[in-house]
Amino acid sequence: GEPTRSTTLAFSSRGRPVPALAKPRQIFDRLFGDGDKETRNQRRQLANSSTILDRVLEHSRSLKLQLGKQDLRKFEEYLSSVREIEQRVKRSQRWLDIPRPEIDSSTLTLAANPKGPQEYIRTMYDLMFLGFQTDTTRVATYMIGQVAGATTLANSFPACLGLSGNWHGLAHGANKKGGYENLGRFDQFLAEQLSYFLKRLKKTPDGDCSLLDRTLVFYGSSNSRTHNNNNYPLILAGGSELGIRQGQYLQYSSKTPLSNLFVTMLNRLKVPTDSFADSTGDLTELI
């Protein structure tokens, strides 16, 4: 990333950007290490939440005796929400108590850096793959590069591969001599790295199917000479066991917001969602 821009795909529930991690060793330690300050803070917060919820439920017993029928009905609805939160807290506590898997770090190129783009990107994909395979995490976001950022790590990737110019300049220089060829070669390079990741998921058994069949991989682009954020080529891979229909190319009108795809994905992942941002429904053709 760079100081003047938020280079991340993850945001907190309050809309604040969650800083991305760019060093493979740091990511490995966070996922498979012995625990860090953040994990300890999570344990403490969950313990405090449990205490507060216990007090609320304990106090509710005496309060229910003092309420009329209508107020009691509303109060029961409130308690139902409290009990639901209590179950979430318990699930989160169990999740933190699951022993971290032992991963042999020698199988990874943790010293990879942006000066070797293929090694670096594949190591990032390897870390996500291991996170899914070991059930250490079920969600991962990876911004390979920030095309508009002149000082971001990935801006030099094309030059490292022997292509003239930087990532930011590839699109702007497409109309120049050899411009489309350079852009195409770089797009091919990125597609090959995605293929590497998808094949690892496909070759890994997960019950009676593959890990890819139980995973949704959404791959997007951010490359436009006009800076208009519409009509981008996007890929949704995997998810056959989640009810996603694959093997098709779909083209939507400009009236279909991208957020409709997010609604569809969330519902397939058993996260009941009626709407997301400016969505107008789901994409039934994918189901």
Protein backbone atom coordinates (compact mmCIF):
# COMPACT_ATOMS: atom_id res chain seq x y z
CA GLY A 1 0.00 0.00 0.00
CA GLU A 2 0.89 3.64 0.12
CA PRO A 3 0.43 6.33 2.81
CA THR A 4 -2.27 8.30 1.00
CA ARG A 5 -4.58 5.43 0.06
CA SER A 6 -6.36 2.59 1.81
CA THR A 7 -5.16 -0.49 -0.05
CA THR A 8 -7.40 -3.19 1.38
CA LEU A 9 -10.52 -5.19 0.57
CA ALA A 10 -11.55 -5.71 4.21
CA PHE A 11 -13.51 -3.32 6.41
CA SER A 12 -14.76 -3.47 9.97
CA SER A 13 -18.44 -3.45 10.92
CA ARG A 14 -18.08 0.33 11.39
CA GLY A 15 -16.77 0.78 7.86
CA ARG A 16 -13.16 1.35 8.81
CA PRO A 17 -10.51 -0.20 6.56
CA VAL A 18 -8.69 -3.19 8.03
CA PRO A 19 -4.98 -2.88 7.13
CA ALA A 20 -3.78 -5.61 4.79
CA LEU A 21 -0.77 -7.83 5.51
CA ALA A 22 1.81 -8.04 2.71
CA LYS A 23 4.64 -10.11 4.20
CA PRO A 24 4.25 -13.90 3.80
CA ARG A 25 6.10 -14.64 7.04
CA GLN A 26 3.82 -12.29 8.99
CA ILE A 27 0.70 -13.92 7.50
CA PHE A 28 2.02 -17.40 8.27
CA ASP A 29 2.70 -16.45 11.90
CA ARG A 30 -0.77 -14.91 12.23
CA LEU A 31 -2.51 -18.00 10.82
CA PHE A 32 -0.39 -20.82 12.17
CA GLY A 33 1.69 -19.31 14.99
CA ASP A 34 1.16 -19.79 18.72
CA GLY A 35 -1.24 -16.88 18.99
CA ASP A 36 -0.80 -13.14 19.05
CA LYS A 37 -2.00 -10.04 20.84
CA GLU A 38 -5.13 -9.83 18.68
CA THR A 39 -6.21 -13.37 19.64
CA ARG A 40 -5.70 -12.64 23.33
CA ASN A 41 -7.77 -9.47 22.98
CA GLN A 42 -10.54 -11.47 21.28
CA ARG A 43 -10.60 -13.97 24.15
CA ARG A 44 -10.86 -11.15 26.69
CA GLN A 45 -13.67 -9.40 24.78
CA LEU A 46 -15.65 -12.64 24.42
CA ALA A 47 -15.25 -13.37 28.14
CA ASN A 48 -16.56 -9.89 28.97
CA SER A 49 -19.48 -10.38 26.58
CA SER A 50 -20.39 -13.68 28.25
CA THR A 51 -20.42 -12.02 31.67
CA ILE A 52 -22.68 -9.19 30.50
CA LEU A 53 -25.10 -11.60 28.79
CA ASP A 54 -25.26 -13.80 31.91
CA ARG A 55 -26.22 -10.77 34.00
CA VAL A 56 -28.89 -9.70 31.50
CA LEU A 57 -30.49 -13.16 31.48
CA GLU A 58 -30.30 -13.44 35.27
CA HIS A 59 -31.98 -10.06 35.75
CA SER A 60 -34.67 -10.95 33.18
CA ARG A 61 -36.16 -13.65 35.44
CA SER A 62 -37.30 -11.18 38.09
CA LEU A 63 -38.30 -8.54 35.55
CA LYS A 64 -40.67 -10.90 33.69
CA LEU A 65 -42.85 -11.19 36.81
CA GLN A 66 -43.53 -7.44 36.70
CA LEU A 67 -44.66 -7.12 33.06
CA GLY A 68 -48.09 -7.22 31.43
CA LYS A 69 -48.91 -9.51 28.49
CA GLN A 70 -48.01 -7.03 25.72
CA ASP A 71 -44.78 -5.91 27.39
CA LEU A 72 -43.93 -9.51 28.18
CA ARG A 73 -44.26 -10.46 24.50
CA LYS A 74 -41.89 -7.65 23.47
CA PHE A 75 -39.52 -8.62 26.26
CA GLU A 76 -39.46 -12.23 25.06
CA GLU A 77 -38.51 -11.01 21.59
CA TYR A 78 -35.65 -9.06 23.16
CA LEU A 79 -34.51 -12.09 25.17
CA SER A 80 -34.60 -14.22 22.03
CA SER A 81 -32.12 -11.81 20.44
CA VAL A 82 -29.95 -11.93 23.55
CA ARG A 83 -29.91 -15.74 23.50
CA GLU A 84 -28.94 -15.68 19.81
CA ILE A 85 -26.01 -13.41 20.63
CA GLU A 86 -25.07 -15.72 23.49
CA GLN A 87 -24.87 -18.65 21.05
CA ARG A 88 -22.67 -16.60 18.71
CA VAL A 89 -20.32 -15.77 21.56
CA LYS A 90 -20.08 -19.45 22.52
CA ARG A 91 -19.36 -20.44 18.91
CA SER A 92 -16.67 -17.77 18.68
CA GLN A 93 -15.10 -18.97 21.93
CA ARG A 94 -15.01 -22.56 20.64
CA TRP A 95 -13.42 -21.33 17.41
CA LEU A 96 -10.60 -19.61 19.30
CA ASP A 97 -10.02 -22.75 21.38
CA ILE A 98 -9.42 -24.98 18.35
CA PRO A 99 -5.71 -25.91 18.34
CA ARG A 100 -3.82 -24.32 15.49
CA PRO A 101 -2.67 -26.82 12.86
CA GLU A 102 1.00 -27.65 12.55
CA ILE A 103 2.22 -26.54 9.13
CA ASP A 104 5.72 -27.22 7.85
CA SER A 105 6.90 -23.76 6.82
CA SER A 106 9.62 -25.29 4.64
CA THR A 107 6.94 -26.10 2.05
CA LEU A 108 6.35 -22.36 1.59
CA THR A 109 8.52 -19.61 0.16
CA LEU A 110 8.03 -17.24 3.07
CA ALA A 111 11.00 -15.14 1.99
CA ALA A 112 9.21 -14.29 -1.27
CA ASN A 113 9.00 -10.59 -2.02
CA PRO A 114 7.45 -8.40 -4.75
CA LYS A 115 10.71 -8.41 -6.72
CA GLY A 116 9.78 -11.95 -7.79
CA PRO A 117 6.07 -11.55 -8.70
CA GLN A 118 5.23 -15.19 -9.51
CA GLU A 119 6.89 -16.57 -6.38
CA TYR A 120 5.30 -13.84 -4.27
CA ILE A 121 1.75 -14.20 -5.61
CA ARG A 122 1.83 -18.01 -5.45
CA THR A 123 3.04 -17.89 -1.86
CA MET A 124 0.07 -15.68 -1.01
CA TYR A 125 -2.25 -18.15 -2.75
CA ASP A 126 -0.53 -21.02 -0.89
CA LEU A 127 -1.21 -19.33 2.43
CA MET A 128 -4.90 -18.89 1.58
CA PHE A 129 -5.09 -22.50 0.41
CA LEU A 130 -3.58 -23.78 3.68
CA GLY A 131 -5.92 -21.54 5.65
CA PHE A 132 -8.92 -23.14 3.93
CA GLN A 133 -7.56 -26.69 3.95
CA THR A 134 -6.89 -26.60 7.71
CA ASP A 135 -10.09 -24.66 8.47
CA THR A 136 -7.96 -21.98 10.12
CA THR A 137 -10.02 -19.37 8.30
CA ARG A 138 -13.02 -19.51 5.99
CA VAL A 139 -12.72 -16.07 4.44
CA ALA A 140 -9.74 -14.47 2.73
CA THR A 141 -9.35 -11.36 0.60
CA TYR A 142 -6.29 -10.67 -1.53
CA MET A 143 -5.70 -7.44 -3.42
CA ILE A 144 -2.89 -8.40 -5.79
CA GLY A 145 -2.29 -4.80 -6.77
CA GLN A 146 -3.77 -1.34 -6.62
CA VAL A 147 -3.66 -0.20 -10.22
CA ALA A 148 -4.13 3.49 -9.43
CA GLY A 149 -1.38 3.48 -6.81
CA ALA A 150 1.93 4.60 -8.25
CA THR A 151 3.84 3.56 -5.13
CA THR A 152 2.10 0.27 -4.28
CA LEU A 153 4.13 -2.94 -4.06
CA ALA A 154 2.64 -4.49 -7.17
CA ASN A 155 3.14 -1.48 -9.44
CA SER A 156 6.57 -2.81 -10.44
CA PHE A 157 5.36 -6.36 -11.23
CA PRO A 158 5.28 -5.87 -15.06
CA ALA A 159 8.85 -4.49 -15.09
CA CYS A 160 10.03 -7.47 -13.00
CA LEU A 161 8.61 -9.72 -15.72
CA GLY A 162 10.47 -7.87 -18.48
CA LEU A 163 7.49 -5.80 -19.65
CA SER A 164 7.99 -2.11 -20.31
CA GLY A 165 6.40 0.34 -17.90
CA ASN A 166 4.55 -0.29 -14.65
CA TRP A 167 1.12 -1.71 -13.82
CA HIS A 168 -0.49 1.72 -13.71
CA GLY A 169 0.92 2.60 -17.11
CA LEU A 170 0.00 -0.64 -18.90
CA ALA A 171 -3.64 0.30 -19.37
CA HIS A 172 -2.96 3.94 -20.22
CA GLY A 173 -0.39 2.88 -22.79
CA ALA A 174 -2.55 0.21 -24.43
CA ASN A 175 -3.04 2.28 -27.62
CA LYS A 176 0.69 2.80 -28.06
CA LYS A 177 2.83 0.47 -30.17
CA GLY A 178 3.00 -2.92 -28.46
CA GLY A 179 0.75 -1.66 -25.66
CA TYR A 180 -2.03 -4.22 -26.04
CA GLU A 181 0.52 -7.02 -26.31
CA ASN A 182 2.19 -5.97 -23.05
CA LEU A 183 -1.17 -5.67 -21.31
CA GLY A 184 -2.26 -9.06 -22.66
CA ARG A 185 0.94 -10.76 -21.52
CA PHE A 186 0.52 -9.34 -18.03
CA ASP A 187 -3.16 -10.36 -17.88
CA GLN A 188 -2.10 -13.86 -18.97
CA PHE A 189 0.48 -13.94 -16.17
CA LEU A 190 -2.16 -13.02 -13.57
CA ALA A 191 -4.59 -15.62 -14.98
CA GLU A 192 -1.90 -18.32 -14.72
CA GLN A 193 -1.45 -17.57 -11.01
CA LEU A 194 -5.21 -17.79 -10.43
CA SER A 195 -5.25 -21.11 -12.29
CA TYR A 196 -2.51 -22.38 -9.97
CA PHE A 197 -4.66 -21.54 -6.93
CA LEU A 198 -7.85 -23.08 -8.37
CA LYS A 199 -6.04 -26.29 -9.34
CA ARG A 200 -4.70 -26.70 -5.79
CA LEU A 201 -8.25 -26.40 -4.46
CA LYS A 202 -9.58 -28.78 -7.13
CA LYS A 203 -6.98 -31.47 -6.39
CA THR A 204 -7.65 -31.42 -2.64
CA PRO A 205 -10.35 -33.83 -1.40
CA ASP A 206 -12.92 -32.46 1.03
CA GLY A 207 -15.31 -35.23 2.04
CA ASP A 208 -16.94 -36.67 -1.07
CA CYS A 209 -15.90 -33.76 -3.30
CA SER A 210 -13.04 -31.29 -3.71
CA LEU A 211 -12.17 -28.23 -1.64
CA LEU A 212 -12.99 -26.08 -4.68
CA ASP A 213 -16.51 -27.53 -4.79
CA ARG A 214 -17.11 -26.15 -1.28
CA THR A 215 -15.37 -22.83 -1.89
CA LEU A 216 -16.39 -19.67 -3.74
CA VAL A 217 -13.50 -17.86 -5.43
CA PHE A 218 -14.46 -14.43 -6.72
CA TYR A 219 -11.82 -12.89 -8.95
CA GLY A 220 -12.17 -9.36 -10.26
CA SER A 221 -10.21 -6.75 -12.15
CA SER A 222 -9.53 -3.07 -11.81
CA ASN A 223 -8.18 -2.03 -15.15
CA SER A 224 -9.75 0.63 -17.32
CA ARG A 225 -8.32 3.38 -19.51
CA THR A 226 -11.38 5.51 -18.82
CA HIS A 227 -11.56 5.05 -15.02
CA ASN A 228 -15.24 4.11 -15.33
CA ASN A 229 -16.09 1.35 -12.88
CA ASN A 230 -18.48 -0.65 -15.03
CA ASN A 231 -18.58 -3.64 -17.36
CA TYR A 232 -15.56 -5.37 -15.83
CA PRO A 233 -14.80 -9.04 -16.57
CA LEU A 234 -15.30 -11.10 -13.40
CA ILE A 235 -14.88 -14.76 -12.53
CA LEU A 236 -16.79 -16.79 -9.94
CA ALA A 237 -15.14 -20.19 -9.60
CA GLY A 238 -16.04 -23.25 -7.52
CA GLY A 239 -19.10 -23.66 -5.33
CA SER A 240 -20.76 -26.58 -7.13
CA GLU A 241 -21.63 -28.14 -3.75
CA LEU A 242 -23.04 -24.77 -2.64
CA GLY A 243 -25.53 -24.68 -5.50
CA ILE A 244 -23.56 -22.55 -7.97
CA ARG A 245 -24.00 -23.44 -11.64
CA GLN A 246 -20.68 -23.31 -13.47
CA GLY A 247 -19.57 -23.50 -17.11
CA GLN A 248 -21.37 -20.42 -18.39
CA TYR A 249 -20.63 -16.88 -19.51
CA LEU A 250 -23.17 -14.27 -18.44
CA GLN A 251 -23.40 -10.68 -19.61
CA TYR A 252 -25.61 -8.28 -17.67
CA SER A 253 -26.92 -4.83 -18.45
CA SER A 254 -25.57 -1.72 -16.77
CA LYS A 255 -28.68 -1.72 -14.57
CA THR A 256 -27.51 -4.84 -12.73
CA PRO A 257 -25.34 -3.82 -9.75
CA LEU A 258 -22.36 -5.95 -8.71
CA SER A 259 -23.84 -6.11 -5.21
CA ASN A 260 -26.45 -8.57 -6.57
CA LEU A 261 -23.61 -11.07 -6.90
CA PHE A 262 -22.66 -10.54 -3.26
CA VAL A 263 -26.24 -11.27 -2.17
CA THR A 264 -26.19 -14.49 -4.21
CA MET A 265 -22.83 -15.55 -2.77
CA LEU A 266 -23.83 -14.85 0.83
CA ASN A 267 -27.05 -16.84 0.52
CA ARG A 268 -25.17 -19.78 -1.05
CA LEU A 269 -22.79 -19.65 1.94
CA LYS A 270 -25.79 -19.93 4.29
CA VAL A 271 -25.62 -16.31 5.39
CA PRO A 272 -29.28 -15.26 4.84
CA THR A 273 -29.16 -11.90 3.06
CA ASP A 274 -32.00 -9.94 1.49
CA SER A 275 -29.93 -6.98 0.36
CA PHE A 276 -26.39 -5.62 0.29
CA ALA A 277 -25.54 -1.98 -0.46
CA ASP A 278 -27.40 -1.01 -3.68
CA SER A 279 -28.51 -4.55 -4.61
CA THR A 280 -31.83 -5.16 -6.35
CA GLY A 281 -31.98 -8.95 -5.88
CA ASP A 282 -29.83 -11.97 -6.56
CA LEU A 283 -28.46 -13.48 -9.77
CA THR A 284 -30.78 -16.43 -10.30
CA GLU A 285 -28.86 -17.56 -13.41
CA LEU A 286 -25.98 -18.60 -11.15
CA ILE A 287 -28.08 -20.90 -8.98
